[in-house]
Amino acid sequence: MKQSVVALFVFVSWFSSIAAHAGIISFTDRSLFESFINDFVVDEFNDINLGPAFGRSRAGYSWTMDDYGCVDSLGCTSPNSVNPFVGNNNNWIWTYGSGSFNFNFGITAFGFDYVNPYNSNTAQLGLNTMLSGVQSNGAFFGIASTDGSYLPAIAYLQSQSFMGFDNLTYSITANGSSTPIPEPWPLAVFALALVMFTLQARKKRS
């Protein structure tokens, strides 16, 4: 009985040390995001088609939101919005609602630059369970796995009727912090439990 209790104690301690590090973190700074994930791909939509679409397929991924492809911002301007996407022959995506991004492979990080292109100078959105908070137009928002595990399809939630995004960025490799570093207390408890288990086994043999 005592040996079973000790074994259970060992398992719980081990599980706690792992569970403490599972999760997702968010970024509102692109440079920090890119430093964290190390290796990434950026889709700048240079080849996007002008006009509306009911979801689009890109190389390796797609999204479900209705959108409008803004080629050099044609048809995508608003006099009452400060939109840094407009100008400089820039292509970007105007979206009309929430949806999801779906990849043909596992990813460990995802993010983009975003705006509220209509009648506003601020924007906010959500990716999976993480919220960006209210940011100035042209801000960045991204999420990344903290343990190297793959993210599921990215749920996209926009709080305004219209949103826009550009420079969509993702990573398919584990980030630099993908190997969990056990915190002192679960590691110590695990070591103590292992010692107790060994002593109990020796006592039973004697």
N, C-alpha and C. Protein backbone atom coordinates (compact mmCIF):
# COMPACT_ATOMS: atom_id res chain seq x y z
N MET A 1 0.83 -1.22 0.00
CA MET A 1 0.00 0.00 0.00
C MET A 1 0.86 1.26 0.00
N LYS A 2 1.89 1.24 0.93
CA LYS A 2 2.76 2.40 1.01
C LYS A 2 3.48 2.62 -0.31
N GLN A 3 3.91 1.51 -0.95
CA GLN A 3 4.64 1.62 -2.21
C GLN A 3 3.74 2.20 -3.30
N SER A 4 2.47 1.85 -3.29
CA SER A 4 1.53 2.39 -4.27
C SER A 4 1.34 3.88 -4.08
N VAL A 5 1.27 4.29 -2.81
CA VAL A 5 1.11 5.72 -2.52
C VAL A 5 2.31 6.50 -3.00
N VAL A 6 3.52 5.94 -2.73
CA VAL A 6 4.75 6.62 -3.16
C VAL A 6 4.81 6.70 -4.67
N ALA A 7 4.42 5.62 -5.37
CA ALA A 7 4.42 5.61 -6.83
C ALA A 7 3.48 6.67 -7.37
N LEU A 8 2.31 6.78 -6.75
CA LEU A 8 1.35 7.80 -7.17
C LEU A 8 1.93 9.19 -6.95
N PHE A 9 2.63 9.37 -5.84
CA PHE A 9 3.25 10.65 -5.52
C PHE A 9 4.29 11.03 -6.58
N VAL A 10 5.07 10.02 -7.01
CA VAL A 10 6.06 10.25 -8.06
C VAL A 10 5.39 10.69 -9.34
N PHE A 11 4.32 10.00 -9.73
CA PHE A 11 3.62 10.33 -10.98
C PHE A 11 3.04 11.73 -10.93
N VAL A 12 2.38 12.08 -9.83
CA VAL A 12 1.77 13.41 -9.70
C VAL A 12 2.83 14.50 -9.77
N SER A 13 3.97 14.26 -9.13
CA SER A 13 5.05 15.24 -9.15
C SER A 13 5.59 15.44 -10.56
N TRP A 14 5.78 14.31 -11.28
CA TRP A 14 6.25 14.38 -12.67
C TRP A 14 5.27 15.10 -13.56
N PHE A 15 3.98 14.79 -13.41
CA PHE A 15 2.96 15.42 -14.22
C PHE A 15 2.90 16.92 -13.95
N SER A 16 3.03 17.31 -12.69
CA SER A 16 2.98 18.73 -12.33
C SER A 16 4.11 19.51 -12.97
N SER A 17 5.30 18.89 -13.04
CA SER A 17 6.45 19.57 -13.62
C SER A 17 6.26 19.80 -15.11
N ILE A 18 5.49 18.93 -15.78
CA ILE A 18 5.22 19.10 -17.20
C ILE A 18 4.08 20.07 -17.44
N ALA A 19 2.98 19.90 -16.72
CA ALA A 19 1.79 20.72 -16.93
C ALA A 19 2.05 22.19 -16.68
N ALA A 20 2.99 22.49 -15.81
CA ALA A 20 3.28 23.88 -15.47
C ALA A 20 3.82 24.65 -16.66
N HIS A 21 4.28 23.95 -17.71
CA HIS A 21 4.93 24.63 -18.82
C HIS A 21 4.15 24.54 -20.12
N ALA A 22 3.03 23.82 -20.13
CA ALA A 22 2.24 23.71 -21.35
C ALA A 22 1.45 24.99 -21.56
N GLY A 23 1.30 25.45 -22.83
CA GLY A 23 0.47 26.61 -23.07
C GLY A 23 0.91 27.42 -24.26
N ILE A 24 0.29 28.59 -24.37
CA ILE A 24 0.53 29.51 -25.47
C ILE A 24 0.78 30.89 -24.90
N ILE A 25 1.71 31.61 -25.49
CA ILE A 25 1.92 33.00 -25.10
C ILE A 25 1.64 33.90 -26.29
N SER A 26 1.34 35.16 -26.02
CA SER A 26 1.01 36.11 -27.08
C SER A 26 2.06 37.22 -27.14
N PHE A 27 2.13 37.87 -28.29
CA PHE A 27 3.08 38.95 -28.53
C PHE A 27 2.37 40.11 -29.23
N THR A 28 2.68 41.32 -28.82
CA THR A 28 2.23 42.52 -29.52
C THR A 28 3.40 43.26 -30.14
N ASP A 29 4.58 42.68 -30.07
CA ASP A 29 5.78 43.24 -30.67
C ASP A 29 6.34 42.24 -31.67
N ARG A 30 6.39 42.63 -32.95
CA ARG A 30 6.83 41.70 -33.99
C ARG A 30 8.28 41.24 -33.78
N SER A 31 9.15 42.16 -33.41
CA SER A 31 10.56 41.79 -33.27
C SER A 31 10.75 40.75 -32.16
N LEU A 32 10.03 40.88 -31.06
CA LEU A 32 10.11 39.89 -29.98
C LEU A 32 9.54 38.55 -30.43
N PHE A 33 8.46 38.61 -31.16
CA PHE A 33 7.84 37.39 -31.70
C PHE A 33 8.81 36.65 -32.61
N GLU A 34 9.43 37.37 -33.52
CA GLU A 34 10.34 36.74 -34.47
C GLU A 34 11.59 36.22 -33.78
N SER A 35 12.04 36.90 -32.75
CA SER A 35 13.19 36.42 -31.99
C SER A 35 12.86 35.14 -31.24
N PHE A 36 11.64 35.05 -30.74
CA PHE A 36 11.22 33.89 -29.97
C PHE A 36 11.11 32.65 -30.84
N ILE A 37 10.57 32.82 -32.06
CA ILE A 37 10.32 31.64 -32.90
C ILE A 37 11.51 31.28 -33.79
N ASN A 38 12.45 32.19 -33.97
CA ASN A 38 13.69 31.94 -34.72
C ASN A 38 13.48 31.73 -36.21
N ASP A 39 12.75 30.72 -36.60
CA ASP A 39 12.61 30.36 -38.01
C ASP A 39 11.15 30.53 -38.41
N PHE A 40 10.88 31.31 -39.49
CA PHE A 40 9.49 31.60 -39.82
C PHE A 40 9.33 31.93 -41.30
N VAL A 41 8.09 31.94 -41.74
CA VAL A 41 7.71 32.30 -43.11
C VAL A 41 6.77 33.50 -43.04
N VAL A 42 6.94 34.47 -43.94
CA VAL A 42 6.08 35.64 -44.00
C VAL A 42 5.38 35.69 -45.36
N ASP A 43 4.06 35.74 -45.35
CA ASP A 43 3.27 35.90 -46.58
C ASP A 43 2.87 37.36 -46.69
N GLU A 44 3.43 38.06 -47.68
CA GLU A 44 3.17 39.49 -47.86
C GLU A 44 2.04 39.76 -48.86
N PHE A 45 1.44 38.70 -49.39
CA PHE A 45 0.30 38.80 -50.31
C PHE A 45 0.63 39.58 -51.58
N ASN A 46 1.86 39.45 -52.05
CA ASN A 46 2.25 40.17 -53.26
C ASN A 46 1.50 39.68 -54.50
N ASP A 47 1.01 38.44 -54.46
CA ASP A 47 0.33 37.87 -55.62
C ASP A 47 -1.18 37.75 -55.41
N ILE A 48 -1.71 38.46 -54.42
CA ILE A 48 -3.14 38.33 -54.12
C ILE A 48 -3.97 38.93 -55.25
N ASN A 49 -5.14 38.35 -55.50
CA ASN A 49 -6.04 38.86 -56.53
C ASN A 49 -6.91 39.99 -55.98
N LEU A 50 -7.13 41.01 -56.78
CA LEU A 50 -7.98 42.12 -56.39
C LEU A 50 -9.43 41.68 -56.33
N GLY A 51 -10.15 42.10 -55.28
CA GLY A 51 -11.58 41.87 -55.22
C GLY A 51 -11.99 40.89 -54.14
N PRO A 52 -13.31 40.61 -54.08
CA PRO A 52 -13.86 39.79 -53.00
C PRO A 52 -13.58 38.30 -53.18
N ALA A 53 -13.58 37.59 -52.06
CA ALA A 53 -13.44 36.14 -52.06
C ALA A 53 -14.14 35.60 -50.82
N PHE A 54 -14.64 34.38 -50.92
CA PHE A 54 -15.32 33.74 -49.80
C PHE A 54 -14.38 32.69 -49.20
N GLY A 55 -13.33 33.21 -48.58
CA GLY A 55 -12.25 32.34 -48.12
C GLY A 55 -11.22 32.19 -49.22
N ARG A 56 -9.97 32.07 -48.82
CA ARG A 56 -8.91 31.94 -49.82
C ARG A 56 -7.96 30.81 -49.45
N SER A 57 -7.33 30.25 -50.48
CA SER A 57 -6.29 29.25 -50.30
C SER A 57 -4.95 29.86 -50.70
N ARG A 58 -3.97 29.69 -49.82
CA ARG A 58 -2.62 30.15 -50.07
C ARG A 58 -1.70 28.93 -50.09
N ALA A 59 -0.42 29.16 -50.28
CA ALA A 59 0.53 28.06 -50.30
C ALA A 59 0.65 27.45 -48.90
N GLY A 60 0.03 26.29 -48.71
CA GLY A 60 0.14 25.58 -47.44
C GLY A 60 -0.94 25.89 -46.43
N TYR A 61 -1.79 26.88 -46.69
CA TYR A 61 -2.83 27.20 -45.72
C TYR A 61 -3.99 27.92 -46.40
N SER A 62 -5.05 28.11 -45.63
CA SER A 62 -6.24 28.81 -46.15
C SER A 62 -6.94 29.49 -44.98
N TRP A 63 -7.92 30.34 -45.30
CA TRP A 63 -8.78 30.91 -44.26
C TRP A 63 -10.23 30.89 -44.70
N THR A 64 -11.12 30.97 -43.74
CA THR A 64 -12.55 30.81 -44.02
C THR A 64 -13.31 32.12 -44.08
N MET A 65 -12.69 33.25 -43.69
CA MET A 65 -13.40 34.52 -43.64
C MET A 65 -13.67 35.06 -45.05
N ASP A 66 -14.82 35.71 -45.22
CA ASP A 66 -15.04 36.48 -46.43
C ASP A 66 -14.08 37.66 -46.42
N ASP A 67 -13.53 37.98 -47.59
CA ASP A 67 -12.53 39.03 -47.60
C ASP A 67 -12.55 39.80 -48.92
N TYR A 68 -11.75 40.82 -48.95
CA TYR A 68 -11.51 41.60 -50.16
C TYR A 68 -10.00 41.77 -50.31
N GLY A 69 -9.49 41.34 -51.46
CA GLY A 69 -8.06 41.49 -51.71
C GLY A 69 -7.74 42.92 -52.13
N CYS A 70 -6.95 43.59 -51.32
CA CYS A 70 -6.60 44.99 -51.58
C CYS A 70 -5.25 45.05 -52.29
N VAL A 71 -5.29 45.24 -53.60
CA VAL A 71 -4.08 45.35 -54.40
C VAL A 71 -3.75 46.83 -54.56
N ASP A 72 -2.63 47.25 -54.00
CA ASP A 72 -2.27 48.66 -53.95
C ASP A 72 -3.40 49.48 -53.32
N SER A 73 -4.14 48.82 -52.41
CA SER A 73 -5.24 49.43 -51.64
C SER A 73 -6.40 49.91 -52.50
N LEU A 74 -6.51 49.44 -53.73
CA LEU A 74 -7.63 49.85 -54.59
C LEU A 74 -8.96 49.40 -53.98
N GLY A 75 -9.88 50.35 -53.78
CA GLY A 75 -11.17 50.06 -53.18
C GLY A 75 -11.12 49.80 -51.70
N CYS A 76 -10.01 50.10 -51.05
CA CYS A 76 -9.83 49.73 -49.64
C CYS A 76 -9.40 50.92 -48.78
N THR A 77 -9.90 52.08 -49.09
CA THR A 77 -9.54 53.26 -48.31
C THR A 77 -10.77 53.81 -47.59
N SER A 78 -10.52 54.49 -46.47
CA SER A 78 -11.58 55.15 -45.71
C SER A 78 -11.06 56.49 -45.23
N PRO A 79 -11.80 57.57 -45.46
CA PRO A 79 -11.30 58.91 -45.11
C PRO A 79 -11.17 59.14 -43.61
N ASN A 80 -11.88 58.34 -42.80
CA ASN A 80 -11.87 58.56 -41.36
C ASN A 80 -10.99 57.56 -40.60
N SER A 81 -10.11 56.87 -41.32
CA SER A 81 -9.28 55.86 -40.69
C SER A 81 -7.81 56.12 -41.00
N VAL A 82 -6.99 56.00 -39.97
CA VAL A 82 -5.54 56.05 -40.18
C VAL A 82 -5.08 54.62 -40.43
N ASN A 83 -4.82 54.32 -41.69
CA ASN A 83 -4.51 52.95 -42.08
C ASN A 83 -3.10 52.91 -42.69
N PRO A 84 -2.12 52.41 -41.96
CA PRO A 84 -0.76 52.37 -42.48
C PRO A 84 -0.56 51.37 -43.62
N PHE A 85 -1.55 50.52 -43.88
CA PHE A 85 -1.43 49.58 -44.99
C PHE A 85 -1.58 50.28 -46.34
N VAL A 86 -2.22 51.44 -46.36
CA VAL A 86 -2.51 52.14 -47.60
C VAL A 86 -1.25 52.85 -48.10
N GLY A 87 -0.96 52.67 -49.36
CA GLY A 87 0.19 53.34 -49.98
C GLY A 87 1.35 52.41 -50.23
N ASN A 88 2.35 52.91 -50.92
CA ASN A 88 3.59 52.18 -51.21
C ASN A 88 3.35 50.87 -51.95
N ASN A 89 2.32 50.87 -52.81
CA ASN A 89 2.02 49.68 -53.62
C ASN A 89 1.82 48.42 -52.77
N ASN A 90 1.23 48.61 -51.61
CA ASN A 90 1.08 47.50 -50.67
C ASN A 90 -0.19 46.69 -50.93
N ASN A 91 -0.08 45.38 -50.83
CA ASN A 91 -1.23 44.48 -50.93
C ASN A 91 -1.57 43.94 -49.55
N TRP A 92 -2.86 43.85 -49.23
CA TRP A 92 -3.27 43.34 -47.93
C TRP A 92 -4.70 42.80 -48.03
N ILE A 93 -5.20 42.25 -46.92
CA ILE A 93 -6.51 41.58 -46.91
C ILE A 93 -7.48 42.31 -45.99
N TRP A 94 -8.65 42.64 -46.52
CA TRP A 94 -9.74 43.24 -45.75
C TRP A 94 -10.73 42.12 -45.43
N THR A 95 -11.04 41.92 -44.16
CA THR A 95 -11.94 40.82 -43.77
C THR A 95 -13.28 41.35 -43.26
N TYR A 96 -14.32 40.53 -43.43
CA TYR A 96 -15.69 40.91 -43.08
C TYR A 96 -16.26 40.14 -41.90
N GLY A 97 -15.47 39.39 -41.20
CA GLY A 97 -16.00 38.64 -40.07
C GLY A 97 -14.97 37.68 -39.52
N SER A 98 -15.37 36.98 -38.47
CA SER A 98 -14.49 36.01 -37.83
C SER A 98 -14.45 34.70 -38.62
N GLY A 99 -13.50 33.87 -38.30
CA GLY A 99 -13.36 32.59 -38.99
C GLY A 99 -12.17 31.83 -38.46
N SER A 100 -11.44 31.18 -39.35
CA SER A 100 -10.27 30.42 -38.91
C SER A 100 -9.24 30.34 -40.02
N PHE A 101 -8.00 30.14 -39.61
CA PHE A 101 -6.89 29.85 -40.51
C PHE A 101 -6.55 28.38 -40.35
N ASN A 102 -6.47 27.67 -41.48
CA ASN A 102 -6.24 26.24 -41.45
C ASN A 102 -4.99 25.89 -42.26
N PHE A 103 -4.05 25.18 -41.63
CA PHE A 103 -2.79 24.84 -42.26
C PHE A 103 -2.76 23.38 -42.69
N ASN A 104 -2.00 23.11 -43.74
CA ASN A 104 -1.84 21.74 -44.22
C ASN A 104 -0.78 20.97 -43.45
N PHE A 105 -0.20 21.62 -42.44
CA PHE A 105 0.86 21.03 -41.63
C PHE A 105 0.79 21.67 -40.24
N GLY A 106 1.50 21.10 -39.30
CA GLY A 106 1.50 21.65 -37.96
C GLY A 106 2.33 22.92 -37.88
N ILE A 107 1.86 23.90 -37.12
CA ILE A 107 2.62 25.12 -36.89
C ILE A 107 2.79 25.33 -35.38
N THR A 108 3.83 26.06 -35.01
CA THR A 108 4.09 26.33 -33.60
C THR A 108 3.92 27.80 -33.26
N ALA A 109 3.71 28.65 -34.28
CA ALA A 109 3.52 30.08 -34.03
C ALA A 109 2.77 30.71 -35.20
N PHE A 110 2.05 31.80 -34.90
CA PHE A 110 1.22 32.44 -35.92
C PHE A 110 1.01 33.90 -35.52
N GLY A 111 1.05 34.81 -36.51
CA GLY A 111 0.78 36.21 -36.22
C GLY A 111 0.71 37.04 -37.49
N PHE A 112 0.31 38.30 -37.35
CA PHE A 112 0.26 39.22 -38.49
C PHE A 112 0.14 40.66 -38.01
N ASP A 113 0.35 41.60 -38.94
CA ASP A 113 0.05 43.01 -38.70
C ASP A 113 -1.43 43.21 -39.01
N TYR A 114 -2.10 44.12 -38.29
CA TYR A 114 -3.54 44.25 -38.50
C TYR A 114 -4.00 45.69 -38.30
N VAL A 115 -5.17 45.97 -38.88
CA VAL A 115 -5.77 47.30 -38.80
C VAL A 115 -7.29 47.17 -38.74
N ASN A 116 -7.94 48.22 -38.26
CA ASN A 116 -9.36 48.43 -38.50
C ASN A 116 -9.43 49.43 -39.64
N PRO A 117 -9.78 48.98 -40.84
CA PRO A 117 -9.65 49.85 -42.02
C PRO A 117 -10.79 50.84 -42.22
N TYR A 118 -11.79 50.79 -41.34
CA TYR A 118 -12.98 51.61 -41.60
C TYR A 118 -13.35 52.42 -40.37
N ASN A 119 -13.26 53.74 -40.49
CA ASN A 119 -13.77 54.65 -39.46
C ASN A 119 -13.14 54.48 -38.08
N SER A 120 -11.89 54.10 -38.00
CA SER A 120 -11.26 53.94 -36.70
C SER A 120 -9.75 54.05 -36.83
N ASN A 121 -9.11 54.45 -35.74
CA ASN A 121 -7.66 54.50 -35.68
C ASN A 121 -7.08 53.43 -34.77
N THR A 122 -7.97 52.61 -34.19
CA THR A 122 -7.53 51.54 -33.31
C THR A 122 -8.18 50.22 -33.74
N ALA A 123 -7.61 49.12 -33.26
CA ALA A 123 -8.14 47.80 -33.61
C ALA A 123 -7.82 46.81 -32.51
N GLN A 124 -8.62 45.75 -32.44
CA GLN A 124 -8.35 44.65 -31.52
C GLN A 124 -8.92 43.36 -32.09
N LEU A 125 -8.33 42.24 -31.72
CA LEU A 125 -8.77 40.95 -32.25
C LEU A 125 -8.33 39.84 -31.30
N GLY A 126 -8.73 38.61 -31.65
CA GLY A 126 -8.35 37.45 -30.86
C GLY A 126 -7.83 36.33 -31.75
N LEU A 127 -6.84 35.61 -31.27
CA LEU A 127 -6.33 34.41 -31.93
C LEU A 127 -6.39 33.27 -30.91
N ASN A 128 -7.16 32.24 -31.25
CA ASN A 128 -7.44 31.17 -30.30
C ASN A 128 -7.98 31.78 -29.01
N THR A 129 -7.39 31.55 -27.88
CA THR A 129 -7.93 32.09 -26.63
C THR A 129 -7.25 33.40 -26.21
N MET A 130 -6.37 33.93 -27.05
CA MET A 130 -5.59 35.11 -26.68
C MET A 130 -6.17 36.36 -27.34
N LEU A 131 -6.22 37.46 -26.59
CA LEU A 131 -6.76 38.73 -27.09
C LEU A 131 -5.64 39.77 -27.21
N SER A 132 -5.73 40.58 -28.25
CA SER A 132 -4.69 41.57 -28.50
C SER A 132 -4.81 42.79 -27.61
N GLY A 133 -6.04 43.09 -27.14
CA GLY A 133 -6.27 44.37 -26.49
C GLY A 133 -6.37 45.46 -27.56
N VAL A 134 -6.79 46.65 -27.17
CA VAL A 134 -6.95 47.75 -28.13
C VAL A 134 -5.56 48.30 -28.48
N GLN A 135 -5.24 48.29 -29.77
CA GLN A 135 -3.95 48.77 -30.24
C GLN A 135 -4.15 49.78 -31.37
N SER A 136 -3.12 50.58 -31.62
CA SER A 136 -3.16 51.51 -32.74
C SER A 136 -3.15 50.73 -34.05
N ASN A 137 -3.79 51.28 -35.07
CA ASN A 137 -3.80 50.63 -36.37
C ASN A 137 -2.37 50.38 -36.86
N GLY A 138 -2.16 49.19 -37.41
CA GLY A 138 -0.84 48.81 -37.87
C GLY A 138 -0.06 48.02 -36.85
N ALA A 139 -0.71 47.65 -35.74
CA ALA A 139 -0.04 46.88 -34.69
C ALA A 139 0.17 45.44 -35.13
N PHE A 140 0.95 44.72 -34.35
CA PHE A 140 1.19 43.30 -34.60
C PHE A 140 0.58 42.48 -33.46
N PHE A 141 0.08 41.29 -33.80
CA PHE A 141 -0.36 40.35 -32.77
C PHE A 141 -0.02 38.94 -33.22
N GLY A 142 0.56 38.16 -32.31
CA GLY A 142 0.92 36.80 -32.63
C GLY A 142 0.86 35.91 -31.41
N ILE A 143 0.78 34.62 -31.64
CA ILE A 143 0.78 33.63 -30.57
C ILE A 143 1.81 32.55 -30.90
N ALA A 144 2.35 31.92 -29.85
CA ALA A 144 3.34 30.86 -30.06
C ALA A 144 3.21 29.81 -28.97
N SER A 145 3.48 28.59 -29.34
CA SER A 145 3.52 27.48 -28.38
C SER A 145 4.75 27.64 -27.49
N THR A 146 4.58 27.40 -26.21
CA THR A 146 5.70 27.51 -25.28
C THR A 146 6.41 26.19 -25.04
N ASP A 147 5.87 25.11 -25.56
CA ASP A 147 6.49 23.80 -25.31
C ASP A 147 6.80 23.05 -26.60
N GLY A 148 6.73 23.75 -27.74
CA GLY A 148 7.06 23.12 -29.01
C GLY A 148 5.94 22.30 -29.62
N SER A 149 4.80 22.20 -28.95
CA SER A 149 3.68 21.44 -29.49
C SER A 149 3.01 22.23 -30.61
N TYR A 150 2.36 21.52 -31.52
CA TYR A 150 1.72 22.17 -32.65
C TYR A 150 0.41 22.82 -32.24
N LEU A 151 0.15 23.98 -32.83
CA LEU A 151 -1.12 24.67 -32.61
C LEU A 151 -2.18 24.05 -33.51
N PRO A 152 -3.42 24.01 -33.04
CA PRO A 152 -4.51 23.56 -33.91
C PRO A 152 -4.84 24.66 -34.92
N ALA A 153 -5.88 24.48 -35.68
CA ALA A 153 -6.33 25.54 -36.58
C ALA A 153 -6.51 26.83 -35.77
N ILE A 154 -6.09 27.94 -36.34
CA ILE A 154 -6.10 29.21 -35.62
C ILE A 154 -7.49 29.85 -35.72
N ALA A 155 -8.17 29.96 -34.57
CA ALA A 155 -9.47 30.63 -34.53
C ALA A 155 -9.23 32.15 -34.55
N TYR A 156 -9.89 32.82 -35.47
CA TYR A 156 -9.70 34.27 -35.66
C TYR A 156 -10.99 34.99 -35.26
N LEU A 157 -10.88 35.90 -34.30
CA LEU A 157 -12.03 36.64 -33.81
C LEU A 157 -11.78 38.13 -33.97
N GLN A 158 -12.62 38.81 -34.75
CA GLN A 158 -12.49 40.26 -34.88
C GLN A 158 -13.66 40.94 -34.18
N SER A 159 -13.35 41.97 -33.41
CA SER A 159 -14.36 42.64 -32.61
C SER A 159 -15.08 43.75 -33.37
N GLN A 160 -14.53 44.13 -34.52
CA GLN A 160 -15.19 45.13 -35.37
C GLN A 160 -15.77 44.46 -36.61
N SER A 161 -16.64 45.18 -37.30
CA SER A 161 -17.25 44.61 -38.50
C SER A 161 -16.23 44.38 -39.60
N PHE A 162 -15.23 45.26 -39.66
CA PHE A 162 -14.20 45.15 -40.70
C PHE A 162 -12.83 45.14 -40.05
N MET A 163 -11.95 44.32 -40.59
CA MET A 163 -10.57 44.29 -40.15
C MET A 163 -9.68 44.04 -41.36
N GLY A 164 -8.41 44.29 -41.20
CA GLY A 164 -7.46 44.01 -42.26
C GLY A 164 -6.19 43.40 -41.68
N PHE A 165 -5.53 42.55 -42.47
CA PHE A 165 -4.26 42.01 -42.00
C PHE A 165 -3.26 41.90 -43.15
N ASP A 166 -2.00 41.88 -42.77
CA ASP A 166 -0.91 41.81 -43.75
C ASP A 166 0.29 41.14 -43.09
N ASN A 167 1.24 40.73 -43.92
CA ASN A 167 2.48 40.12 -43.43
C ASN A 167 2.21 38.96 -42.48
N LEU A 168 1.36 38.05 -42.93
CA LEU A 168 1.02 36.88 -42.11
C LEU A 168 2.27 36.02 -41.90
N THR A 169 2.54 35.69 -40.65
CA THR A 169 3.79 35.02 -40.28
C THR A 169 3.50 33.74 -39.51
N TYR A 170 4.21 32.67 -39.85
CA TYR A 170 4.03 31.43 -39.11
C TYR A 170 5.35 30.66 -39.06
N SER A 171 5.41 29.73 -38.11
CA SER A 171 6.59 28.88 -37.96
C SER A 171 6.15 27.43 -37.89
N ILE A 172 6.94 26.56 -38.51
CA ILE A 172 6.64 25.13 -38.45
C ILE A 172 7.66 24.38 -37.61
N THR A 173 8.60 25.09 -37.03
CA THR A 173 9.61 24.45 -36.19
C THR A 173 9.44 24.88 -34.75
N ALA A 174 9.93 24.04 -33.84
CA ALA A 174 9.85 24.35 -32.42
C ALA A 174 10.68 25.60 -32.13
N ASN A 175 10.16 26.46 -31.27
CA ASN A 175 10.87 27.70 -30.97
C ASN A 175 12.03 27.45 -30.02
N GLY A 176 12.79 28.52 -29.76
CA GLY A 176 13.98 28.40 -28.93
C GLY A 176 13.69 28.03 -27.50
N SER A 177 12.44 28.23 -27.05
CA SER A 177 12.08 27.89 -25.68
C SER A 177 11.23 26.64 -25.62
N SER A 178 11.37 25.78 -26.63
CA SER A 178 10.48 24.62 -26.72
C SER A 178 10.80 23.54 -25.69
N THR A 179 12.02 23.52 -25.17
CA THR A 179 12.37 22.53 -24.16
C THR A 179 12.07 23.07 -22.79
N PRO A 180 11.10 22.53 -22.08
CA PRO A 180 10.74 23.07 -20.77
C PRO A 180 11.89 22.97 -19.78
N ILE A 181 12.09 24.00 -18.98
CA ILE A 181 13.06 23.99 -17.90
C ILE A 181 12.29 23.84 -16.61
N PRO A 182 12.40 22.71 -15.94
CA PRO A 182 11.59 22.48 -14.74
C PRO A 182 11.84 23.54 -13.68
N GLU A 183 10.77 23.98 -13.04
CA GLU A 183 10.91 24.90 -11.93
C GLU A 183 11.51 24.16 -10.74
N PRO A 184 12.16 24.87 -9.81
CA PRO A 184 12.84 24.19 -8.70
C PRO A 184 11.93 23.32 -7.85
N TRP A 185 10.70 23.79 -7.56
CA TRP A 185 9.89 23.03 -6.62
C TRP A 185 9.40 21.70 -7.17
N PRO A 186 8.90 21.59 -8.41
CA PRO A 186 8.48 20.25 -8.86
C PRO A 186 9.66 19.32 -9.05
N LEU A 187 10.84 19.89 -9.45
CA LEU A 187 12.01 19.03 -9.62
C LEU A 187 12.47 18.47 -8.28
N ALA A 188 12.45 19.31 -7.24
CA ALA A 188 12.86 18.86 -5.90
C ALA A 188 11.89 17.82 -5.37
N VAL A 189 10.60 18.05 -5.56
CA VAL A 189 9.59 17.10 -5.09
C VAL A 189 9.74 15.77 -5.81
N PHE A 190 10.01 15.86 -7.11
CA PHE A 190 10.21 14.63 -7.88
C PHE A 190 11.41 13.84 -7.35
N ALA A 191 12.51 14.54 -7.08
CA ALA A 191 13.72 13.88 -6.56
C ALA A 191 13.46 13.24 -5.20
N LEU A 192 12.73 13.97 -4.34
CA LEU A 192 12.41 13.45 -3.03
C LEU A 192 11.53 12.21 -3.13
N ALA A 193 10.56 12.25 -4.00
CA ALA A 193 9.67 11.10 -4.18
C ALA A 193 10.44 9.90 -4.71
N LEU A 194 11.39 10.14 -5.60
CA LEU A 194 12.19 9.05 -6.15
C LEU A 194 13.04 8.40 -5.06
N VAL A 195 13.62 9.21 -4.17
CA VAL A 195 14.40 8.68 -3.05
C VAL A 195 13.52 7.84 -2.14
N MET A 196 12.31 8.34 -1.84
CA MET A 196 11.39 7.60 -0.97
C MET A 196 11.02 6.26 -1.60
N PHE A 197 10.80 6.27 -2.90
CA PHE A 197 10.44 5.05 -3.62
C PHE A 197 11.58 4.03 -3.52
N THR A 198 12.82 4.50 -3.69
CA THR A 198 13.99 3.61 -3.64
C THR A 198 14.17 3.02 -2.24
N LEU A 199 14.05 3.85 -1.21
CA LEU A 199 14.19 3.37 0.17
C LEU A 199 13.11 2.35 0.52
N GLN A 200 11.88 2.61 0.04
CA GLN A 200 10.78 1.69 0.31
C GLN A 200 11.04 0.34 -0.34
N ALA A 201 11.61 0.38 -1.56
CA ALA A 201 11.90 -0.88 -2.26
C ALA A 201 13.00 -1.66 -1.55
N ARG A 202 14.03 -0.96 -1.06
CA ARG A 202 15.11 -1.63 -0.33
C ARG A 202 14.61 -2.24 0.97
N LYS A 203 13.74 -1.52 1.67
CA LYS A 203 13.19 -2.00 2.93
C LYS A 203 12.37 -3.27 2.71
N LYS A 204 11.65 -3.29 1.61
CA LYS A 204 10.82 -4.47 1.33
C LYS A 204 11.69 -5.69 1.03
N ARG A 205 12.85 -5.49 0.32
CA ARG A 205 13.75 -6.60 0.00
C ARG A 205 14.42 -7.15 1.24
N SER A 206 14.70 -6.25 2.22
CA SER A 206 15.39 -6.68 3.45
C SER A 206 14.42 -7.37 4.41
